[in-house]
Amino acid sequence: MIQFKRYPHVKDLIIHYATTLNEPAVLLILKQGIKGEQDATKFAQFIWQMVGQMGTDSEEGISVLGRIDNTDTVPDIDYEISLHLANIGYAEIWDKICDDQ
């Protein structure tokens, strides 16, 4: 299980968007943890998909977890995801996907 110790709301956002964007593989990764490079890549790519959708939802006035604009949580998301991926040996995947954005 992927745990978010400093910013637990990051997990809530991931669950919401993985459900909304119909990404059951991301929910499974969240529950079971990252098992390899393919999981790390899928998860990191999804995070940026989620960030893009957060911006769209904000522009369209869609409330997510009781807030219209969650884009201020992007630094929290980056902190949690980059720390987790670094701790399990996949920092380079996060860095590459971030650079591609």
N, C-alpha and C. Protein backbone atom coordinates (compact mmCIF):
# COMPACT_ATOMS: atom_id res chain seq x y z
N MET A 1 0.85 -1.18 0.00
CA MET A 1 0.00 0.00 0.00
C MET A 1 0.89 1.24 0.00
N ILE A 2 0.52 2.19 -0.83
CA ILE A 2 1.24 3.45 -0.85
C ILE A 2 0.66 4.33 0.26
N GLN A 3 1.54 4.84 1.10
CA GLN A 3 1.10 5.67 2.22
C GLN A 3 1.58 7.10 2.00
N PHE A 4 0.75 8.03 2.39
CA PHE A 4 1.07 9.44 2.28
C PHE A 4 1.05 10.01 3.70
N LYS A 5 2.22 10.21 4.24
CA LYS A 5 2.34 10.55 5.65
C LYS A 5 2.19 12.04 5.93
N ARG A 6 2.76 12.87 5.10
CA ARG A 6 2.72 14.31 5.37
C ARG A 6 1.45 14.96 4.85
N TYR A 7 0.99 14.53 3.69
CA TYR A 7 -0.19 15.13 3.05
C TYR A 7 -1.20 14.03 2.70
N PRO A 8 -1.98 13.57 3.67
CA PRO A 8 -2.92 12.47 3.40
C PRO A 8 -4.00 12.82 2.38
N HIS A 9 -4.26 14.11 2.17
CA HIS A 9 -5.26 14.49 1.17
C HIS A 9 -4.84 14.11 -0.24
N VAL A 10 -3.56 13.88 -0.45
CA VAL A 10 -3.08 13.45 -1.77
C VAL A 10 -3.72 12.10 -2.13
N LYS A 11 -3.78 11.21 -1.18
CA LYS A 11 -4.41 9.90 -1.42
C LYS A 11 -5.88 10.07 -1.79
N ASP A 12 -6.58 10.96 -1.10
CA ASP A 12 -7.99 11.21 -1.40
C ASP A 12 -8.17 11.71 -2.83
N LEU A 13 -7.29 12.59 -3.26
CA LEU A 13 -7.35 13.11 -4.63
C LEU A 13 -7.08 12.00 -5.64
N ILE A 14 -6.09 11.17 -5.36
CA ILE A 14 -5.76 10.08 -6.29
C ILE A 14 -6.93 9.11 -6.40
N ILE A 15 -7.52 8.76 -5.28
CA ILE A 15 -8.68 7.85 -5.31
C ILE A 15 -9.82 8.48 -6.10
N HIS A 16 -10.10 9.74 -5.84
CA HIS A 16 -11.19 10.42 -6.57
C HIS A 16 -10.95 10.39 -8.07
N TYR A 17 -9.75 10.82 -8.48
CA TYR A 17 -9.49 10.92 -9.92
C TYR A 17 -9.30 9.56 -10.58
N ALA A 18 -8.72 8.62 -9.90
CA ALA A 18 -8.60 7.27 -10.47
C ALA A 18 -9.99 6.68 -10.71
N THR A 19 -10.91 6.96 -9.82
CA THR A 19 -12.29 6.49 -9.97
C THR A 19 -12.99 7.25 -11.09
N THR A 20 -12.89 8.57 -11.05
CA THR A 20 -13.56 9.42 -12.04
C THR A 20 -13.03 9.18 -13.45
N LEU A 21 -11.72 9.00 -13.57
CA LEU A 21 -11.09 8.80 -14.89
C LEU A 21 -11.03 7.33 -15.29
N ASN A 22 -11.69 6.48 -14.52
CA ASN A 22 -11.77 5.05 -14.81
C ASN A 22 -10.38 4.43 -14.99
N GLU A 23 -9.59 4.53 -13.93
CA GLU A 23 -8.24 3.99 -13.93
C GLU A 23 -8.10 2.95 -12.81
N PRO A 24 -8.74 1.79 -12.97
CA PRO A 24 -8.68 0.77 -11.91
C PRO A 24 -7.25 0.28 -11.63
N ALA A 25 -6.38 0.34 -12.63
CA ALA A 25 -4.99 -0.08 -12.41
C ALA A 25 -4.31 0.83 -11.39
N VAL A 26 -4.64 2.10 -11.42
CA VAL A 26 -4.06 3.04 -10.46
C VAL A 26 -4.58 2.74 -9.05
N LEU A 27 -5.85 2.44 -8.93
CA LEU A 27 -6.40 2.07 -7.62
C LEU A 27 -5.72 0.81 -7.09
N LEU A 28 -5.44 -0.13 -7.97
CA LEU A 28 -4.75 -1.36 -7.56
C LEU A 28 -3.31 -1.06 -7.12
N ILE A 29 -2.63 -0.21 -7.86
CA ILE A 29 -1.27 0.19 -7.48
C ILE A 29 -1.29 0.89 -6.13
N LEU A 30 -2.26 1.76 -5.92
CA LEU A 30 -2.38 2.47 -4.66
C LEU A 30 -2.57 1.49 -3.50
N LYS A 31 -3.35 0.46 -3.74
CA LYS A 31 -3.65 -0.52 -2.70
C LYS A 31 -2.49 -1.50 -2.48
N GLN A 32 -1.90 -1.99 -3.56
CA GLN A 32 -0.89 -3.04 -3.45
C GLN A 32 0.55 -2.53 -3.47
N GLY A 33 0.71 -1.28 -3.87
CA GLY A 33 2.06 -0.73 -3.97
C GLY A 33 2.62 -0.88 -5.36
N ILE A 34 3.71 -0.22 -5.59
CA ILE A 34 4.38 -0.27 -6.89
C ILE A 34 5.27 -1.50 -6.91
N LYS A 35 5.00 -2.38 -7.88
CA LYS A 35 5.68 -3.68 -7.96
C LYS A 35 6.83 -3.71 -8.95
N GLY A 36 6.99 -2.65 -9.72
CA GLY A 36 8.06 -2.65 -10.71
C GLY A 36 8.06 -1.37 -11.52
N GLU A 37 8.94 -1.34 -12.50
CA GLU A 37 9.10 -0.15 -13.34
C GLU A 37 7.81 0.20 -14.09
N GLN A 38 7.10 -0.81 -14.56
CA GLN A 38 5.86 -0.55 -15.29
C GLN A 38 4.82 0.12 -14.38
N ASP A 39 4.68 -0.35 -13.15
CA ASP A 39 3.75 0.27 -12.20
C ASP A 39 4.18 1.70 -11.89
N ALA A 40 5.47 1.91 -11.69
CA ALA A 40 5.97 3.24 -11.37
C ALA A 40 5.67 4.21 -12.51
N THR A 41 5.87 3.75 -13.74
CA THR A 41 5.60 4.59 -14.91
C THR A 41 4.11 4.89 -15.02
N LYS A 42 3.27 3.87 -14.90
CA LYS A 42 1.82 4.06 -14.98
C LYS A 42 1.34 5.05 -13.92
N PHE A 43 1.83 4.87 -12.70
CA PHE A 43 1.41 5.71 -11.59
C PHE A 43 1.85 7.16 -11.81
N ALA A 44 3.10 7.36 -12.21
CA ALA A 44 3.61 8.71 -12.43
C ALA A 44 2.87 9.39 -13.59
N GLN A 45 2.61 8.67 -14.65
CA GLN A 45 1.85 9.25 -15.78
C GLN A 45 0.44 9.63 -15.34
N PHE A 46 -0.17 8.77 -14.54
CA PHE A 46 -1.51 9.08 -14.06
C PHE A 46 -1.51 10.34 -13.21
N ILE A 47 -0.50 10.52 -12.38
CA ILE A 47 -0.46 11.70 -11.51
C ILE A 47 -0.53 12.97 -12.35
N TRP A 48 0.19 13.01 -13.45
CA TRP A 48 0.13 14.20 -14.30
C TRP A 48 -1.19 14.31 -15.06
N GLN A 49 -1.78 13.18 -15.40
CA GLN A 49 -3.13 13.20 -15.97
C GLN A 49 -4.09 13.79 -14.94
N MET A 50 -3.95 13.39 -13.70
CA MET A 50 -4.79 13.88 -12.62
C MET A 50 -4.61 15.40 -12.43
N VAL A 51 -3.37 15.85 -12.46
CA VAL A 51 -3.11 17.28 -12.29
C VAL A 51 -3.78 18.07 -13.41
N GLY A 52 -3.70 17.57 -14.63
CA GLY A 52 -4.38 18.23 -15.74
C GLY A 52 -5.88 18.27 -15.55
N GLN A 53 -6.45 17.18 -15.08
CA GLN A 53 -7.90 17.14 -14.84
C GLN A 53 -8.28 18.06 -13.69
N MET A 54 -7.42 18.19 -12.70
CA MET A 54 -7.69 19.12 -11.60
C MET A 54 -7.82 20.54 -12.13
N GLY A 55 -6.94 20.91 -13.05
CA GLY A 55 -7.02 22.24 -13.65
C GLY A 55 -8.30 22.42 -14.44
N THR A 56 -8.67 21.41 -15.21
CA THR A 56 -9.91 21.46 -15.99
C THR A 56 -11.12 21.57 -15.06
N ASP A 57 -11.13 20.77 -14.02
CA ASP A 57 -12.25 20.82 -13.07
C ASP A 57 -12.36 22.19 -12.43
N SER A 58 -11.24 22.78 -12.09
CA SER A 58 -11.24 24.11 -11.49
C SER A 58 -11.82 25.15 -12.46
N GLU A 59 -11.35 25.09 -13.71
CA GLU A 59 -11.84 26.03 -14.73
C GLU A 59 -13.34 25.88 -14.97
N GLU A 60 -13.84 24.64 -14.85
CA GLU A 60 -15.25 24.37 -15.10
C GLU A 60 -16.11 24.50 -13.84
N GLY A 61 -15.50 24.85 -12.71
CA GLY A 61 -16.25 25.05 -11.47
C GLY A 61 -16.75 23.76 -10.85
N ILE A 62 -16.07 22.66 -11.11
CA ILE A 62 -16.48 21.36 -10.56
C ILE A 62 -15.86 21.18 -9.18
N SER A 63 -16.70 20.89 -8.21
CA SER A 63 -16.24 20.67 -6.84
C SER A 63 -15.68 19.25 -6.70
N VAL A 64 -14.48 19.18 -6.17
CA VAL A 64 -13.82 17.89 -5.91
C VAL A 64 -13.40 17.90 -4.44
N LEU A 65 -13.91 16.94 -3.70
CA LEU A 65 -13.62 16.84 -2.28
C LEU A 65 -13.93 18.14 -1.54
N GLY A 66 -15.03 18.76 -1.96
CA GLY A 66 -15.51 19.96 -1.29
C GLY A 66 -14.84 21.26 -1.70
N ARG A 67 -13.99 21.20 -2.73
CA ARG A 67 -13.29 22.41 -3.19
C ARG A 67 -13.39 22.54 -4.70
N ILE A 68 -13.56 23.77 -5.16
CA ILE A 68 -13.60 24.02 -6.60
C ILE A 68 -12.19 23.99 -7.17
N ASP A 69 -11.22 24.51 -6.44
CA ASP A 69 -9.86 24.59 -6.96
C ASP A 69 -8.90 23.83 -6.04
N ASN A 70 -8.41 22.70 -6.53
CA ASN A 70 -7.43 21.90 -5.79
C ASN A 70 -6.02 22.05 -6.34
N THR A 71 -5.83 22.97 -7.28
CA THR A 71 -4.53 23.10 -7.91
C THR A 71 -3.44 23.55 -6.93
N ASP A 72 -3.83 24.13 -5.82
CA ASP A 72 -2.83 24.54 -4.84
C ASP A 72 -2.19 23.34 -4.13
N THR A 73 -2.74 22.15 -4.36
CA THR A 73 -2.18 20.94 -3.75
C THR A 73 -1.10 20.29 -4.63
N VAL A 74 -0.82 20.85 -5.79
CA VAL A 74 0.19 20.26 -6.69
C VAL A 74 1.55 20.13 -5.99
N PRO A 75 2.02 21.13 -5.21
CA PRO A 75 3.29 20.92 -4.50
C PRO A 75 3.22 19.75 -3.51
N ASP A 76 2.08 19.55 -2.87
CA ASP A 76 1.90 18.43 -1.94
C ASP A 76 1.99 17.10 -2.70
N ILE A 77 1.35 17.07 -3.86
CA ILE A 77 1.35 15.88 -4.70
C ILE A 77 2.78 15.57 -5.14
N ASP A 78 3.48 16.58 -5.61
CA ASP A 78 4.86 16.39 -6.05
C ASP A 78 5.72 15.88 -4.89
N TYR A 79 5.57 16.46 -3.73
CA TYR A 79 6.35 16.03 -2.57
C TYR A 79 6.11 14.55 -2.27
N GLU A 80 4.86 14.17 -2.14
CA GLU A 80 4.53 12.79 -1.76
C GLU A 80 4.97 11.78 -2.82
N ILE A 81 4.68 12.07 -4.08
CA ILE A 81 4.99 11.11 -5.14
C ILE A 81 6.50 11.02 -5.37
N SER A 82 7.16 12.15 -5.42
CA SER A 82 8.61 12.11 -5.64
C SER A 82 9.32 11.43 -4.48
N LEU A 83 8.89 11.67 -3.25
CA LEU A 83 9.50 11.03 -2.10
C LEU A 83 9.28 9.51 -2.12
N HIS A 84 8.06 9.12 -2.40
CA HIS A 84 7.76 7.69 -2.43
C HIS A 84 8.55 6.97 -3.53
N LEU A 85 8.53 7.52 -4.72
CA LEU A 85 9.25 6.87 -5.82
C LEU A 85 10.75 6.86 -5.57
N ALA A 86 11.29 7.90 -4.98
CA ALA A 86 12.71 7.91 -4.64
C ALA A 86 13.03 6.84 -3.60
N ASN A 87 12.18 6.71 -2.61
CA ASN A 87 12.41 5.73 -1.54
C ASN A 87 12.41 4.29 -2.04
N ILE A 88 11.70 4.02 -3.13
CA ILE A 88 11.64 2.65 -3.64
C ILE A 88 12.49 2.46 -4.91
N GLY A 89 13.29 3.47 -5.23
CA GLY A 89 14.25 3.32 -6.32
C GLY A 89 13.79 3.74 -7.69
N TYR A 90 12.72 4.52 -7.78
CA TYR A 90 12.21 4.92 -9.09
C TYR A 90 12.18 6.43 -9.28
N ALA A 91 13.09 7.13 -8.64
CA ALA A 91 13.14 8.59 -8.77
C ALA A 91 13.33 9.02 -10.22
N GLU A 92 14.14 8.26 -10.97
CA GLU A 92 14.42 8.64 -12.35
C GLU A 92 13.17 8.58 -13.23
N ILE A 93 12.26 7.69 -12.91
CA ILE A 93 11.01 7.61 -13.67
C ILE A 93 10.18 8.86 -13.42
N TRP A 94 10.05 9.27 -12.16
CA TRP A 94 9.31 10.48 -11.83
C TRP A 94 9.95 11.69 -12.51
N ASP A 95 11.27 11.80 -12.42
CA ASP A 95 11.96 12.93 -13.02
C ASP A 95 11.74 13.00 -14.52
N LYS A 96 11.82 11.86 -15.20
CA LYS A 96 11.64 11.83 -16.66
C LYS A 96 10.22 12.22 -17.03
N ILE A 97 9.25 11.69 -16.32
CA ILE A 97 7.85 12.00 -16.65
C ILE A 97 7.56 13.46 -16.35
N CYS A 98 8.11 13.98 -15.27
CA CYS A 98 7.94 15.41 -14.96
C CYS A 98 8.57 16.28 -16.06
N ASP A 99 9.75 15.90 -16.52
CA ASP A 99 10.42 16.66 -17.58
C ASP A 99 9.63 16.64 -18.87
N ASP A 100 8.88 15.57 -19.12
CA ASP A 100 8.09 15.44 -20.34
C ASP A 100 6.81 16.28 -20.31
N GLN A 101 6.45 16.80 -19.16
CA GLN A 101 5.20 17.55 -19.04
C GLN A 101 5.33 18.96 -19.52
